[in-house]
C-alpha atoms as a PDB file:
ATOM      1  CA  MET A   1    -134.933 222.583 -51.709  1.00  0.00           C
ATOM      2  CA  THR A   2    -138.580 221.733 -51.288  1.00  0.00           C
ATOM      3  CA  LEU A   3    -139.940 221.055 -47.817  1.00  0.00           C
ATOM      4  CA  ARG A   4    -143.173 219.093 -48.075  1.00  0.00           C
ATOM      5  CA  HIS A   5    -146.335 220.385 -46.430  1.00  0.00           C
ATOM      6  CA  LYS A   6    -147.618 218.033 -43.761  1.00  0.00           C
ATOM      7  CA  VAL A   7    -151.225 216.806 -43.664  1.00  0.00           C
ATOM      8  CA  LEU A   8    -152.915 215.246 -40.550  1.00  0.00           C
ATOM      9  CA  VAL A   9    -155.627 212.832 -41.432  1.00  0.00           C
ATOM     10  CA  ILE A  10    -158.247 212.233 -38.696  1.00  0.00           C
ATOM     11  CA  ASP A  11    -160.498 209.296 -39.595  1.00  0.00           C
ATOM     12  CA  ASP A  12    -161.412 206.104 -37.849  1.00  0.00           C
ATOM     13  CA  GLU A  13    -161.849 204.070 -41.015  1.00  0.00           C
ATOM     14  CA  PRO A  14    -158.601 202.328 -42.077  1.00  0.00           C
ATOM     15  CA  HIS A  15    -159.660 202.123 -45.752  1.00  0.00           C
ATOM     16  CA  ILE A  16    -160.365 205.852 -45.918  1.00  0.00           C
ATOM     17  CA  ARG A  17    -156.918 206.589 -44.369  1.00  0.00           C
ATOM     18  CA  ARG A  18    -155.380 204.314 -46.959  1.00  0.00           C
ATOM     19  CA  LEU A  19    -157.183 206.113 -49.760  1.00  0.00           C
ATOM     20  CA  LEU A  20    -156.151 209.473 -48.482  1.00  0.00           C
ATOM     21  CA  HIS A  21    -152.615 208.325 -47.872  1.00  0.00           C
ATOM     22  CA  THR A  22    -152.335 207.288 -51.563  1.00  0.00           C
ATOM     23  CA  ALA A  23    -153.863 210.596 -52.822  1.00  0.00           C
ATOM     24  CA  LEU A  24    -151.747 212.806 -50.543  1.00  0.00           C
ATOM     25  CA  THR A  25    -148.534 210.919 -51.448  1.00  0.00           C
ATOM     26  CA  ARG A  26    -149.368 211.589 -55.107  1.00  0.00           C
ATOM     27  CA  GLY A  27    -149.726 215.197 -54.144  1.00  0.00           C
ATOM     28  CA  ASP A  28    -146.275 215.163 -52.589  1.00  0.00           C
ATOM     29  CA  TYR A  29    -147.522 215.770 -48.996  1.00  0.00           C
ATOM     30  CA  ALA A  30    -145.999 214.351 -45.833  1.00  0.00           C
ATOM     31  CA  ILE A  31    -148.725 212.478 -43.897  1.00  0.00           C
ATOM     32  CA  ALA A  32    -149.598 211.849 -40.241  1.00  0.00           C
ATOM     33  CA  GLU A  33    -152.742 209.940 -39.108  1.00  0.00           C
ATOM     34  CA  ALA A  34    -155.123 209.693 -36.134  1.00  0.00           C
ATOM     35  CA  ALA A  35    -157.998 207.354 -35.618  1.00  0.00           C
ATOM     36  CA  ASP A  36    -159.874 209.234 -32.796  1.00  0.00           C
ATOM     37  CA  GLY A  37    -160.218 212.604 -31.163  1.00  0.00           C
ATOM     38  CA  LYS A  38    -157.718 212.006 -28.364  1.00  0.00           C
ATOM     39  CA  GLU A  39    -155.033 210.839 -30.787  1.00  0.00           C
ATOM     40  CA  ALA A  40    -155.889 213.693 -33.093  1.00  0.00           C
ATOM     41  CA  LEU A  41    -155.201 216.397 -30.424  1.00  0.00           C
ATOM     42  CA  ALA A  42    -151.917 214.781 -29.539  1.00  0.00           C
ATOM     43  CA  LYS A  43    -150.832 214.563 -33.206  1.00  0.00           C
ATOM     44  CA  LEU A  44    -151.786 218.158 -33.677  1.00  0.00           C
ATOM     45  CA  VAL A  45    -149.137 219.112 -31.169  1.00  0.00           C
ATOM     46  CA  SER A  46    -146.463 216.573 -32.035  1.00  0.00           C
ATOM     47  CA  GLU A  47    -146.783 216.888 -35.910  1.00  0.00           C
ATOM     48  CA  ASN A  48    -147.702 220.588 -36.260  1.00  0.00           C
ATOM     49  CA  PRO A  49    -149.542 219.927 -39.592  1.00  0.00           C
ATOM     50  CA  ASP A  50    -150.076 222.552 -42.294  1.00  0.00           C
ATOM     51  CA  VAL A  51    -153.409 220.925 -43.195  1.00  0.00           C
ATOM     52  CA  THR A  52    -155.767 218.801 -41.165  1.00  0.00           C
ATOM     53  CA  LEU A  53    -158.452 216.568 -42.759  1.00  0.00           C
ATOM     54  CA  LEU A  54    -161.181 215.869 -40.099  1.00  0.00           C
ATOM     55  CA  ASP A  55    -163.873 213.229 -40.278  1.00  0.00           C
ATOM     56  CA  LEU A  56    -166.905 214.094 -38.068  1.00  0.00           C
ATOM     57  CA  GLY A  57    -167.817 210.528 -37.185  1.00  0.00           C
ATOM     58  CA  LEU A  58    -165.131 209.676 -34.686  1.00  0.00           C
ATOM     59  CA  PRO A  59    -165.503 206.867 -32.072  1.00  0.00           C
ATOM     60  CA  ASP A  60    -164.755 208.846 -28.919  1.00  0.00           C
ATOM     61  CA  ARG A  61    -166.330 212.249 -29.655  1.00  0.00           C
ATOM     62  CA  ASP A  62    -168.181 214.096 -32.330  1.00  0.00           C
ATOM     63  CA  GLY A  63    -165.887 215.786 -34.841  1.00  0.00           C
ATOM     64  CA  LEU A  64    -167.714 219.066 -34.535  1.00  0.00           C
ATOM     65  CA  GLU A  65    -166.463 219.296 -31.003  1.00  0.00           C
ATOM     66  CA  LEU A  66    -162.864 219.137 -32.295  1.00  0.00           C
ATOM     67  CA  VAL A  67    -163.269 221.985 -34.807  1.00  0.00           C
ATOM     68  CA  PRO A  68    -162.869 224.867 -32.287  1.00  0.00           C
ATOM     69  CA  LEU A  69    -160.271 222.975 -30.298  1.00  0.00           C
ATOM     70  CA  ILE A  70    -158.153 222.404 -33.345  1.00  0.00           C
ATOM     71  CA  LYS A  71    -158.462 226.008 -34.442  1.00  0.00           C
ATOM     72  CA  LYS A  72    -157.550 227.231 -30.946  1.00  0.00           C
ATOM     73  CA  GLN A  73    -154.525 225.115 -30.679  1.00  0.00           C
ATOM     74  CA  SER A  74    -153.083 225.336 -34.172  1.00  0.00           C
ATOM     75  CA  GLN A  75    -152.712 227.518 -37.318  1.00  0.00           C
ATOM     76  CA  THR A  76    -153.482 224.485 -39.406  1.00  0.00           C
ATOM     77  CA  THR A  77    -155.805 224.693 -42.432  1.00  0.00           C
ATOM     78  CA  LEU A  78    -158.819 222.665 -41.436  1.00  0.00           C
ATOM     79  CA  ILE A  79    -160.914 220.742 -44.019  1.00  0.00           C
ATOM     80  CA  VAL A  80    -163.849 218.654 -42.832  1.00  0.00           C
ATOM     81  CA  ILE A  81    -164.363 215.374 -44.804  1.00  0.00           C
ATOM     82  CA  SER A  82    -167.663 213.787 -43.809  1.00  0.00           C
ATOM     83  CA  ALA A  83    -170.568 211.610 -45.030  1.00  0.00           C
ATOM     84  CA  ARG A  84    -172.955 214.032 -43.346  1.00  0.00           C
ATOM     85  CA  GLU A  85    -174.694 215.892 -46.195  1.00  0.00           C
ATOM     86  CA  ALA A  86    -177.108 218.039 -44.219  1.00  0.00           C
ATOM     87  CA  THR A  87    -176.679 221.757 -44.802  1.00  0.00           C
ATOM     88  CA  GLU A  88    -176.846 222.489 -41.073  1.00  0.00           C
ATOM     89  CA  GLU A  89    -173.864 220.190 -40.467  1.00  0.00           C
ATOM     90  CA  LYS A  90    -171.808 222.006 -43.081  1.00  0.00           C
ATOM     91  CA  VAL A  91    -172.848 225.440 -41.757  1.00  0.00           C
ATOM     92  CA  ALA A  92    -172.005 224.417 -38.178  1.00  0.00           C
ATOM     93  CA  ALA A  93    -168.552 223.244 -39.130  1.00  0.00           C
ATOM     94  CA  LEU A  94    -167.697 226.395 -41.097  1.00  0.00           C
ATOM     95  CA  ASP A  95    -169.112 228.603 -38.398  1.00  0.00           C
ATOM     96  CA  LEU A  96    -166.989 226.837 -35.821  1.00  0.00           C
ATOM     97  CA  GLY A  97    -163.901 227.642 -37.850  1.00  0.00           C
ATOM     98  CA  ALA A  98    -163.382 224.972 -40.539  1.00  0.00           C
ATOM     99  CA  ASP A  99    -161.838 226.335 -43.682  1.00  0.00           C
ATOM    100  CA  ASP A 100    -163.775 224.027 -46.021  1.00  0.00           C
ATOM    101  CA  TYR A 101    -166.145 221.067 -46.038  1.00  0.00           C
ATOM    102  CA  LEU A 102    -166.018 218.110 -48.469  1.00  0.00           C
ATOM    103  CA  THR A 103    -168.778 215.399 -48.557  1.00  0.00           C
ATOM    104  CA  LYS A 104    -167.891 211.734 -48.784  1.00  0.00           C
ATOM    105  CA  PRO A 105    -167.582 210.045 -51.185  1.00  0.00           C
ATOM    106  CA  PHE A 106    -165.291 212.572 -52.990  1.00  0.00           C
ATOM    107  CA  ASP A 107    -162.896 212.598 -55.935  1.00  0.00           C
ATOM    108  CA  THR A 108    -159.308 212.733 -54.606  1.00  0.00           C
ATOM    109  CA  ASP A 109    -158.325 215.211 -57.345  1.00  0.00           C
ATOM    110  CA  GLU A 110    -161.033 217.574 -56.047  1.00  0.00           C
ATOM    111  CA  LEU A 111    -159.671 217.091 -52.486  1.00  0.00           C
ATOM    112  CA  LEU A 112    -156.087 217.969 -53.545  1.00  0.00           C
ATOM    113  CA  ALA A 113    -157.434 221.032 -55.324  1.00  0.00           C
ATOM    114  CA  ARG A 114    -159.444 222.079 -52.215  1.00  0.00           C
ATOM    115  CA  ILE A 115    -156.253 221.737 -50.152  1.00  0.00           C
ATOM    116  CA  ARG A 116    -154.349 223.956 -52.521  1.00  0.00           C
ATOM    117  CA  VAL A 117    -157.083 226.597 -52.534  1.00  0.00           C
ATOM    118  CA  ALA A 118    -157.551 226.634 -48.761  1.00  0.00           C
ATOM    119  CA  MET A 119    -153.846 226.974 -48.151  1.00  0.00           C
ATOM    120  CA  ARG A 120    -153.533 229.772 -50.647  1.00  0.00           C
ATOM    121  CA  ASN A 121    -156.478 231.588 -49.142  1.00  0.00           C
ATOM    122  CA  ARG A 122    -154.983 231.146 -45.644  1.00  0.00           C
ATOM    123  CA  MET A 123    -151.601 232.499 -46.746  1.00  0.00           C
ATOM    124  CA  THR A 124    -153.101 235.674 -48.238  1.00  0.00           C
ATOM    125  CA  LYS A 125    -155.496 236.315 -45.332  1.00  0.00           C
ATOM    126  CA  ASP A 126    -154.805 239.483 -43.290  1.00  0.00           C
ATOM    127  CA  GLY A 127    -152.421 240.806 -45.943  1.00  0.00           C
ATOM    128  CA  GLY A 128    -150.093 237.779 -46.205  1.00  0.00           C
ATOM    129  CA  VAL A 129    -148.486 236.789 -49.484  1.00  0.00           C
ATOM    130  CA  SER A 130    -147.621 233.480 -51.071  1.00  0.00           C
ATOM    131  CA  SER A 131    -144.380 234.527 -52.753  1.00  0.00           C
ATOM    132  CA  ILE A 132    -141.793 237.269 -52.305  1.00  0.00           C
ATOM    133  CA  ARG A 133    -138.440 238.492 -53.636  1.00  0.00           C
ATOM    134  CA  ALA A 134    -135.826 239.987 -51.359  1.00  0.00           C
ATOM    135  CA  GLY A 135    -132.511 240.857 -52.915  1.00  0.00           C
ATOM    136  CA  ASP A 136    -131.677 237.963 -55.196  1.00  0.00           C
ATOM    137  CA  VAL A 137    -133.662 235.599 -53.009  1.00  0.00           C
ATOM    138  CA  GLU A 138    -137.003 234.154 -54.136  1.00  0.00           C
ATOM    139  CA  ILE A 139    -139.382 232.547 -51.595  1.00  0.00           C
ATOM    140  CA  ASP A 140    -142.330 230.564 -52.845  1.00  0.00           C
ATOM    141  CA  LEU A 141    -144.477 229.702 -49.783  1.00  0.00           C
ATOM    142  CA  MET A 142    -146.951 227.534 -51.689  1.00  0.00           C
ATOM    143  CA  MET A 143    -144.252 225.287 -53.142  1.00  0.00           C
ATOM    144  CA  ARG A 144    -141.978 225.732 -50.068  1.00  0.00           C
ATOM    145  CA  GLN A 145    -139.024 226.529 -52.232  1.00  0.00           C
ATOM    146  CA  VAL A 146    -136.223 229.055 -51.622  1.00  0.00           C
ATOM    147  CA  ARG A 147    -133.837 230.203 -54.322  1.00  0.00           C
ATOM    148  CA  LYS A 148    -130.866 232.512 -54.289  1.00  0.00           C
ATOM    149  CA  GLY A 149    -129.627 233.747 -57.672  1.00  0.00           C
ATOM    150  CA  GLY A 150    -131.888 231.133 -59.290  1.00  0.00           C
ATOM    151  CA  GLU A 151    -130.320 228.250 -57.320  1.00  0.00           C
ATOM    152  CA  GLU A 152    -132.225 226.276 -54.776  1.00  0.00           C
ATOM    153  CA  VAL A 153    -131.138 226.871 -51.106  1.00  0.00           C
ATOM    154  CA  HIS A 154    -131.020 223.995 -48.533  1.00  0.00           C
ATOM    155  CA  LEU A 155    -132.759 225.028 -45.364  1.00  0.00           C
ATOM    156  CA  THR A 156    -133.456 222.934 -42.288  1.00  0.00           C
ATOM    157  CA  PRO A 157    -137.186 222.622 -41.360  1.00  0.00           C
ATOM    158  CA  LYS A 158    -136.727 225.124 -38.558  1.00  0.00           C
ATOM    159  CA  GLU A 159    -134.801 227.583 -40.637  1.00  0.00           C
ATOM    160  CA  TYR A 160    -137.625 227.415 -43.237  1.00  0.00           C
ATOM    161  CA  SER A 161    -140.270 227.882 -40.524  1.00  0.00           C
ATOM    162  CA  VAL A 162    -138.663 231.091 -39.343  1.00  0.00           C
ATOM    163  CA  LEU A 163    -138.222 232.403 -42.946  1.00  0.00           C
ATOM    164  CA  ALA A 164    -141.762 231.524 -43.912  1.00  0.00           C
ATOM    165  CA  GLN A 165    -143.202 233.506 -41.023  1.00  0.00           C
ATOM    166  CA  LEU A 166    -141.223 236.550 -41.982  1.00  0.00           C
ATOM    167  CA  ALA A 167    -141.880 236.079 -45.741  1.00  0.00           C
ATOM    168  CA  GLN A 168    -145.644 235.820 -45.354  1.00  0.00           C
ATOM    169  CA  PHE A 169    -145.817 239.345 -44.026  1.00  0.00           C
ATOM    170  CA  PRO A 170    -142.920 241.148 -45.785  1.00  0.00           C
ATOM    171  CA  GLY A 171    -141.912 244.418 -44.079  1.00  0.00           C
ATOM    172  CA  ARG A 172    -143.844 243.629 -40.962  1.00  0.00           C
ATOM    173  CA  VAL A 173    -142.070 243.082 -37.623  1.00  0.00           C
ATOM    174  CA  ILE A 174    -142.646 239.593 -36.320  1.00  0.00           C
ATOM    175  CA  THR A 175    -141.865 239.378 -32.579  1.00  0.00           C
ATOM    176  CA  HIS A 176    -139.389 236.897 -31.026  1.00  0.00           C
ATOM    177  CA  LYS A 177    -142.287 235.320 -29.124  1.00  0.00           C
ATOM    178  CA  GLN A 178    -144.467 234.906 -32.225  1.00  0.00           C
ATOM    179  CA  ILE A 179    -141.632 233.174 -34.080  1.00  0.00           C
ATOM    180  CA  MET A 180    -140.606 230.932 -31.167  1.00  0.00           C
ATOM    181  CA  ASN A 181    -144.176 229.845 -30.541  1.00  0.00           C
ATOM    182  CA  THR A 182    -144.355 228.596 -34.177  1.00  0.00           C
ATOM    183  CA  VAL A 183    -140.918 226.986 -34.405  1.00  0.00           C
ATOM    184  CA  TRP A 184    -140.891 225.456 -30.860  1.00  0.00           C
ATOM    185  CA  PRO A 185    -144.651 224.967 -30.145  1.00  0.00           C
ATOM    186  CA  ARG A 186    -144.057 222.280 -27.451  1.00  0.00           C
ATOM    187  CA  GLU A 187    -141.439 224.155 -25.480  1.00  0.00           C
ATOM    188  CA  LEU A 188    -142.709 225.511 -22.182  1.00  0.00           C
ATOM    189  CA  GLU A 189    -139.776 227.926 -21.950  1.00  0.00           C
ATOM    190  CA  HIS A 190    -138.345 229.756 -24.978  1.00  0.00           C
ATOM    191  CA  HIS A 191    -134.789 231.054 -25.197  1.00  0.00           C
ATOM    192  CA  VAL A 192    -134.281 233.884 -27.717  1.00  0.00           C
ATOM    193  CA  GLU A 193    -130.686 232.720 -28.146  1.00  0.00           C
ATOM    194  CA  TYR A 194    -131.981 229.625 -29.994  1.00  0.00           C
ATOM    195  CA  LEU A 195    -133.703 231.922 -32.446  1.00  0.00           C
ATOM    196  CA  ARG A 196    -130.586 234.055 -32.874  1.00  0.00           C
ATOM    197  CA  VAL A 197    -128.595 230.995 -33.831  1.00  0.00           C
ATOM    198  CA  LEU A 198    -131.290 229.955 -36.439  1.00  0.00           C
ATOM    199  CA  VAL A 199    -131.395 233.511 -37.895  1.00  0.00           C
ATOM    200  CA  LYS A 200    -127.529 233.600 -38.093  1.00  0.00           C
ATOM    201  CA  GLY A 201    -127.638 230.421 -40.094  1.00  0.00           C
ATOM    202  CA  LEU A 202    -130.310 231.812 -42.357  1.00  0.00           C
ATOM    203  CA  ARG A 203    -128.235 234.901 -43.055  1.00  0.00           C
ATOM    204  CA  GLN A 204    -125.181 232.819 -43.888  1.00  0.00           C
ATOM    205  CA  LYS A 205    -127.289 231.132 -46.593  1.00  0.00           C
ATOM    206  CA  LEU A 206    -129.287 234.035 -47.888  1.00  0.00           C
ATOM    207  CA  GLU A 207    -127.383 237.285 -47.318  1.00  0.00           C
ATOM    208  CA  THR A 208    -124.602 238.580 -49.690  1.00  0.00           C
ATOM    209  CA  GLU A 209    -122.900 240.033 -46.545  1.00  0.00           C
ATOM    210  CA  PRO A 210    -124.190 238.138 -43.530  1.00  0.00           C
ATOM    211  CA  GLN A 211    -122.527 240.511 -41.108  1.00  0.00           C
ATOM    212  CA  HIS A 212    -124.466 243.443 -42.693  1.00  0.00           C
ATOM    213  CA  PRO A 213    -127.845 241.888 -43.331  1.00  0.00           C
ATOM    214  CA  GLN A 214    -130.182 243.521 -45.907  1.00  0.00           C
ATOM    215  CA  ILE A 215    -132.886 240.796 -46.116  1.00  0.00           C
ATOM    216  CA  ILE A 216    -133.520 239.664 -42.504  1.00  0.00           C
ATOM    217  CA  VAL A 217    -133.375 242.807 -40.430  1.00  0.00           C
ATOM    218  CA  ASN A 218    -133.242 243.185 -36.668  1.00  0.00           C
ATOM    219  CA  GLU A 219    -135.796 245.193 -34.772  1.00  0.00           C
ATOM    220  CA  LEU A 220    -133.680 245.546 -31.609  1.00  0.00           C
ATOM    221  CA  GLY A 221    -135.314 243.819 -28.643  1.00  0.00           C
ATOM    222  CA  VAL A 222    -138.509 243.121 -30.486  1.00  0.00           C
ATOM    223  CA  GLY A 223    -137.984 240.707 -33.350  1.00  0.00           C
ATOM    224  CA  TYR A 224    -137.184 240.545 -37.077  1.00  0.00           C
ATOM    225  CA  ARG A 225    -138.679 241.584 -40.359  1.00  0.00           C
ATOM    226  CA  LEU A 226    -137.982 240.546 -43.902  1.00  0.00           C
ATOM    227  CA  ARG A 227    -137.123 243.470 -46.231  1.00  0.00           C
ATOM    228  CA  PRO A 228    -138.699 242.959 -49.677  1.00  0.00           C
ATOM    229  CA  ASN A 229    -137.217 244.548 -52.891  1.00  0.00           C
ATOM    230  CA  SER A 230    -139.960 247.175 -52.779  1.00  0.00           C
ATOM    231  CA  ASP A 231    -139.144 248.259 -49.148  1.00  0.00           C
END
């Protein structure tokens, strides 16, 4: 099963949002939209996008003000799309935390390529990987595909979110808190039992012997780690 990456488009111009919607649909992305800064910050929480496209000329605040706020609140890959061509604007956006900067007007094929590159770079940052094998399970984080014995595995969005966190850093312990903050970002109180239920479901789908897991391994009282074939 392929779970589509979600892109949040922040732009106050309807015709630009329509253009981006068409291009992103062609790229097989799920899409959320916001027309101003206030709506953008709300959608950032409710939609939890993988990628955010940010116009700097918003009606209620300057887009540059949003860059550090977005990066503080989310792990989203942030690409600025703006008619501002001045070098100092580009430098400011990148220094504030943007992952890339694309000047309007732009070719939509270039935009899709920039998204792919930015996401790939983000996945490999700090030692992360974009694909991994564990037992007879293959996890492709770029394509968001999971296969067991060559056959695609159906995962729920939350199951995939847990697996993706573990797979990005194979062999590394990911704490209960880190996982839950990603899977349930809007919950004020997290219950580790919810996570245990999700992991149990994952093991049923991925492990040869779910009662004796070899792929998703417990670190008692701390969290979980994914054991790659080279472990």
